[in-house]
């Protein structure tokens, strides 16, 4: 009887200990593992400082200044003035005779580097084809002489008035070196050979840069070059020679788009 009583007590104590643990498991497990919220997907962040090529962002530098390098593509018009022309036939001057050169429009590539905020160096590269004619005096009416391509690389030092501003006008001075190539005589008067010497001269210019968007700029520029042409035409046997000096002095007008690196 005593042994049965002890067994009942032990069983009662075991039930008392197990009951709270089971109750706790039933009440806490659902709150920990059931219906757990899913984490929302995180969108990838935009790289810090990223700016599109056709965007103006907080990181975009306004205007032009020291260390900037630009490449510009323009349409350029070359307008020869043909001042002070002189023509000789076999060493004898032809009074009243003069040379006329046609205007031309071509693409132009320009490279520009800013040495300081205000001072830049630029180089233009283009080549234009012109028709050459003689007229007046003993030549009478217009006589087609031929055609020539001209390569006039020009180096300019420019002063920019408003560095680090969207609108930045400038003036400059420089030098032009002029080569004539692919010269073709028309054959008029039996003159089948056309040649010209290398020449060059000073130049002045004025223009403006305007920042459109991002690192893109619009440019308008006018140059006045002071260059003389020395040319001569001969027949096949070189027994007839016509020589001409002409102050080409072309006005060069360009407009185009530039990108700053």
Protein backbone atom coordinates (compact mmCIF):
# COMPACT_ATOMS: atom_id res chain seq x y z
CA UNK A 1 0.00 0.00 0.00
CA UNK A 2 2.82 2.32 0.89
CA UNK A 3 4.63 1.46 -2.35
CA UNK A 4 1.54 2.33 -4.41
CA UNK A 5 1.18 5.65 -2.59
CA UNK A 6 4.81 6.62 -3.42
CA UNK A 7 4.30 5.71 -7.10
CA UNK A 8 1.20 7.95 -7.28
CA UNK A 9 3.11 10.91 -5.77
CA UNK A 10 5.96 10.55 -8.28
CA UNK A 11 3.48 10.38 -11.17
CA UNK A 12 1.67 13.51 -9.94
CA UNK A 13 4.93 15.47 -9.64
CA UNK A 14 6.00 14.43 -13.17
CA UNK A 15 2.71 15.57 -14.62
CA UNK A 16 3.04 18.92 -12.86
CA UNK A 17 6.51 19.48 -14.34
CA UNK A 18 5.60 18.43 -17.92
CA UNK A 19 2.33 20.38 -18.12
CA UNK A 20 3.82 23.94 -18.07
CA UNK A 21 6.48 23.06 -20.69
CA UNK A 22 3.91 21.64 -23.07
CA UNK A 23 1.63 24.63 -22.57
CA UNK A 24 4.49 27.01 -23.23
CA UNK A 25 5.43 25.22 -26.46
CA UNK A 26 1.83 25.44 -27.70
CA UNK A 27 1.52 29.17 -27.03
CA UNK A 28 4.96 30.40 -28.19
CA UNK A 29 5.72 28.25 -31.24
CA UNK A 30 3.09 29.83 -33.55
CA UNK A 31 4.28 33.38 -32.82
CA UNK A 32 7.88 32.46 -33.67
CA UNK A 33 7.61 30.28 -36.79
CA UNK A 34 4.11 30.55 -38.25
CA UNK A 35 3.19 33.37 -40.71
CA UNK A 36 6.69 34.94 -40.51
CA UNK A 37 6.74 38.10 -42.73
CA UNK A 38 8.76 37.88 -46.00
CA UNK A 39 11.47 40.50 -46.53
CA UNK A 40 10.67 42.95 -49.36
CA UNK A 41 13.10 42.80 -52.36
CA UNK A 42 15.71 45.58 -52.30
CA UNK A 43 16.16 47.46 -55.60
CA UNK A 44 19.79 47.83 -56.72
CA UNK A 45 21.05 51.30 -55.92
CA UNK A 46 22.30 53.61 -58.69
CA UNK A 47 26.07 53.95 -58.66
CA UNK A 48 27.07 57.08 -56.82
CA UNK A 49 28.07 59.90 -59.16
CA UNK A 50 26.77 58.23 -62.38
CA UNK A 51 25.72 60.74 -65.04
CA UNK A 52 24.55 60.03 -68.60
CA UNK A 53 26.44 61.45 -71.56
CA UNK A 54 23.48 63.68 -72.43
CA UNK A 55 22.66 64.74 -68.85
CA UNK A 56 23.61 67.69 -66.71
CA UNK A 57 24.08 66.37 -63.16
CA UNK A 58 25.29 67.73 -59.86
CA UNK A 59 28.76 66.42 -60.74
CA UNK A 60 28.85 68.14 -64.16
CA UNK A 61 31.38 70.97 -64.32
CA UNK A 62 29.84 74.19 -65.60
CA UNK A 63 31.78 76.06 -68.26
CA UNK A 64 35.38 75.60 -69.36
CA UNK A 65 38.62 75.99 -67.46
CA UNK A 66 42.16 74.82 -66.84
CA UNK A 67 42.90 71.25 -67.94
CA UNK A 68 39.84 70.86 -70.18
CA UNK A 69 40.36 69.23 -73.59
CA UNK A 70 37.75 69.54 -76.35
CA UNK A 71 37.20 68.01 -79.77
CA UNK A 72 34.92 69.99 -82.05
CA UNK A 73 33.26 69.08 -85.35
CA UNK A 74 32.07 72.07 -87.36
CA UNK A 75 30.84 73.15 -90.75
CA UNK A 76 33.33 75.74 -92.02
CA UNK A 77 32.98 78.26 -94.81
CA UNK A 78 36.21 79.53 -96.43
CA UNK A 79 35.65 82.87 -98.18
CA UNK A 80 38.77 84.14 -100.04
CA UNK A 81 38.98 87.93 -100.37
CA UNK A 82 41.39 87.93 -103.38
CA UNK A 83 42.83 91.35 -102.61
CA UNK A 84 45.79 92.85 -104.45
CA UNK A 85 46.10 90.35 -107.34
CA UNK A 86 48.91 90.64 -109.90
CA UNK A 87 49.44 88.55 -113.05
CA UNK A 88 52.51 88.19 -115.32
CA UNK A 89 52.83 86.53 -118.75
CA UNK A 90 56.36 85.38 -119.51
CA UNK A 91 57.67 87.92 -117.01
CA UNK A 92 55.59 90.85 -118.30
CA UNK A 93 52.89 92.32 -116.07
CA UNK A 94 49.34 92.23 -117.37
CA UNK A 95 47.71 95.49 -116.17
CA UNK A 96 44.18 95.05 -114.85
CA UNK A 97 44.39 91.24 -114.73
CA UNK A 98 43.50 89.56 -111.47
CA UNK A 99 42.84 86.17 -109.85
CA UNK A 100 39.47 85.04 -108.46
CA UNK A 101 39.01 82.07 -106.12
CA UNK A 102 35.67 80.46 -105.28
CA UNK A 103 34.18 80.08 -101.81
CA UNK A 104 33.84 76.63 -100.26
CA UNK A 105 32.08 74.86 -97.37
CA UNK A 106 33.56 71.73 -95.77
CA UNK A 107 33.70 69.86 -92.42
CA UNK A 108 36.33 70.97 -89.92
CA UNK A 109 37.90 69.20 -86.93
CA UNK A 110 39.30 71.28 -84.04
CA UNK A 111 41.35 70.23 -81.02
CA UNK A 112 41.48 72.64 -78.06
CA UNK A 113 43.27 72.51 -74.70
CA UNK A 114 42.89 74.97 -71.81
CA UNK A 115 46.31 75.86 -70.40
CA UNK A 116 44.70 78.10 -67.76
CA UNK A 117 41.11 79.11 -67.00
CA UNK A 118 41.41 81.96 -69.51
CA UNK A 119 43.98 80.78 -72.08
CA UNK A 120 43.54 77.96 -74.58
CA UNK A 121 45.44 76.56 -77.55
CA UNK A 122 43.58 75.17 -80.55
CA UNK A 123 44.43 73.55 -83.87
CA UNK A 124 42.04 73.33 -86.81
CA UNK A 125 42.29 70.62 -89.45
CA UNK A 126 40.38 70.78 -92.72
CA UNK A 127 40.96 70.84 -96.46
CA UNK A 128 38.89 72.71 -99.04
CA UNK A 129 38.74 72.63 -102.84
CA UNK A 130 38.63 75.89 -104.78
CA UNK A 131 38.25 76.82 -108.43
CA UNK A 132 40.73 79.45 -109.67
CA UNK A 133 40.11 81.83 -112.57
CA UNK A 134 41.78 84.85 -114.17
CA UNK A 135 39.89 87.90 -115.41
CA UNK A 136 40.29 91.48 -116.57
CA UNK A 137 43.06 93.26 -118.46
CA UNK A 138 44.53 91.31 -121.38
CA UNK A 139 42.65 88.21 -120.17
CA UNK A 140 39.36 89.89 -121.01
CA UNK A 141 36.49 87.93 -119.50
CA UNK A 142 36.74 85.13 -116.97
CA UNK A 143 39.26 82.44 -117.87
CA UNK A 144 39.18 79.13 -116.01
CA UNK A 145 42.68 78.37 -114.73
CA UNK A 146 42.03 75.17 -112.78
CA UNK A 147 41.36 73.90 -109.27
CA UNK A 148 43.32 73.24 -106.10
CA UNK A 149 42.85 71.73 -102.67
CA UNK A 150 44.07 73.82 -99.75
CA UNK A 151 45.24 72.48 -96.37
CA UNK A 152 45.46 75.41 -93.92
CA UNK A 153 46.34 74.13 -90.39
CA UNK A 154 45.95 77.07 -88.02
CA UNK A 155 47.21 77.31 -84.44
CA UNK A 156 45.46 79.88 -82.23
CA UNK A 157 46.02 81.21 -78.73
CA UNK A 158 42.69 82.45 -77.35
CA UNK A 159 41.66 84.48 -74.30
CA UNK A 160 38.32 83.40 -72.77
CA UNK A 161 36.47 86.12 -70.87
CA UNK A 162 34.09 84.05 -68.69
CA UNK A 163 35.67 80.78 -67.51
CA UNK A 164 33.35 78.34 -65.71
CA UNK A 165 30.27 80.03 -67.22
CA UNK A 166 27.87 78.50 -69.72
CA UNK A 167 28.36 81.40 -72.15
CA UNK A 168 32.06 82.10 -72.71
CA UNK A 169 33.16 84.53 -75.49
CA UNK A 170 36.79 84.72 -76.57
CA UNK A 171 39.28 86.41 -78.91
CA UNK A 172 42.52 85.01 -80.25
CA UNK A 173 45.61 85.41 -82.42
CA UNK A 174 47.50 82.74 -84.31
CA UNK A 175 49.27 81.61 -87.43
CA UNK A 176 48.19 79.79 -90.58
CA UNK A 177 50.36 77.49 -92.68
CA UNK A 178 48.95 76.82 -96.14
CA UNK A 179 49.70 73.93 -98.51
CA UNK A 180 48.14 73.56 -101.96
CA UNK A 181 47.71 69.99 -103.20
CA UNK A 182 45.93 68.04 -105.96
CA UNK A 183 46.23 71.01 -108.30
CA UNK A 184 44.71 70.53 -111.75
CA UNK A 185 45.06 72.93 -114.69
CA UNK A 186 42.08 73.49 -116.97
CA UNK A 187 44.15 73.54 -120.16
CA UNK A 188 42.92 77.03 -121.07
CA UNK A 189 45.41 78.94 -123.26
CA UNK A 190 47.37 75.70 -123.56
CA UNK A 191 48.39 75.84 -119.87
CA UNK A 192 48.34 72.23 -118.66
CA UNK A 193 50.46 72.49 -115.52
CA UNK A 194 49.40 74.30 -112.36
CA UNK A 195 51.59 74.73 -109.29
CA UNK A 196 51.76 76.84 -106.14
CA UNK A 197 54.28 77.47 -103.41
CA UNK A 198 53.89 76.90 -99.66
CA UNK A 199 52.75 80.00 -97.83
CA UNK A 200 51.46 81.22 -94.48
CA UNK A 201 50.60 84.25 -92.39
CA UNK A 202 49.02 85.58 -89.19
CA UNK A 203 45.38 85.23 -88.21
CA UNK A 204 42.96 86.74 -85.72
CA UNK A 205 39.65 85.36 -84.50
CA UNK A 206 36.68 85.83 -82.22
CA UNK A 207 34.00 83.42 -81.11
CA UNK A 208 31.85 82.02 -78.33
CA UNK A 209 31.29 78.68 -76.57
CA UNK A 210 27.93 77.83 -75.01
CA UNK A 211 27.34 74.77 -72.80
CA UNK A 212 24.24 72.95 -74.07
CA UNK A 213 23.96 69.91 -71.79
CA UNK A 214 26.46 67.83 -69.85
CA UNK A 215 29.86 68.17 -71.52
CA UNK A 216 28.43 69.21 -74.91
CA UNK A 217 29.08 72.74 -76.21
CA UNK A 218 27.99 74.81 -79.20
CA UNK A 219 30.69 76.94 -80.82
CA UNK A 220 30.61 79.81 -83.30
CA UNK A 221 33.90 81.21 -84.58
CA UNK A 222 35.13 83.74 -87.16
CA UNK A 223 38.77 83.87 -88.29
CA UNK A 224 40.48 86.36 -90.54
CA UNK A 225 43.63 84.98 -92.14
CA UNK A 226 46.26 87.06 -93.93
CA UNK A 227 47.83 84.80 -96.55
CA UNK A 228 49.28 85.41 -100.02
CA UNK A 229 49.22 82.79 -102.79
CA UNK A 230 52.06 82.44 -105.29
CA UNK A 231 51.01 80.27 -108.25
CA UNK A 232 52.07 79.64 -111.83
CA UNK A 233 50.72 77.79 -114.87
CA UNK A 234 52.72 76.43 -117.81
CA UNK A 235 52.25 74.57 -121.07
CA UNK A 236 53.68 71.11 -121.61
CA UNK A 237 56.93 72.42 -123.10
CA UNK A 238 57.26 75.15 -120.46
CA UNK A 239 57.65 77.78 -123.20
CA UNK A 240 54.61 79.71 -121.95
CA UNK A 241 54.31 80.65 -118.29
CA UNK A 242 51.71 82.68 -116.43
CA UNK A 243 52.54 83.71 -112.87
CA UNK A 244 50.17 85.17 -110.29
CA UNK A 245 50.38 86.65 -106.80
CA UNK A 246 47.13 86.94 -104.90
CA UNK A 247 46.31 88.07 -101.35
CA UNK A 248 43.80 85.35 -100.57
CA UNK A 249 43.17 86.69 -97.05
CA UNK A 250 40.26 84.29 -96.46
CA UNK A 251 37.55 84.89 -93.90
CA UNK A 252 36.78 81.56 -92.23
CA UNK A 253 33.39 81.14 -90.53
CA UNK A 254 32.52 77.98 -88.57
CA UNK A 255 29.74 76.64 -86.37
CA UNK A 256 29.69 73.26 -84.68
CA UNK A 257 29.36 70.97 -81.68
CA UNK A 258 32.17 70.20 -79.21
CA UNK A 259 32.62 67.61 -76.48
CA UNK A 260 34.72 68.31 -73.36
CA UNK A 261 36.84 65.47 -71.94
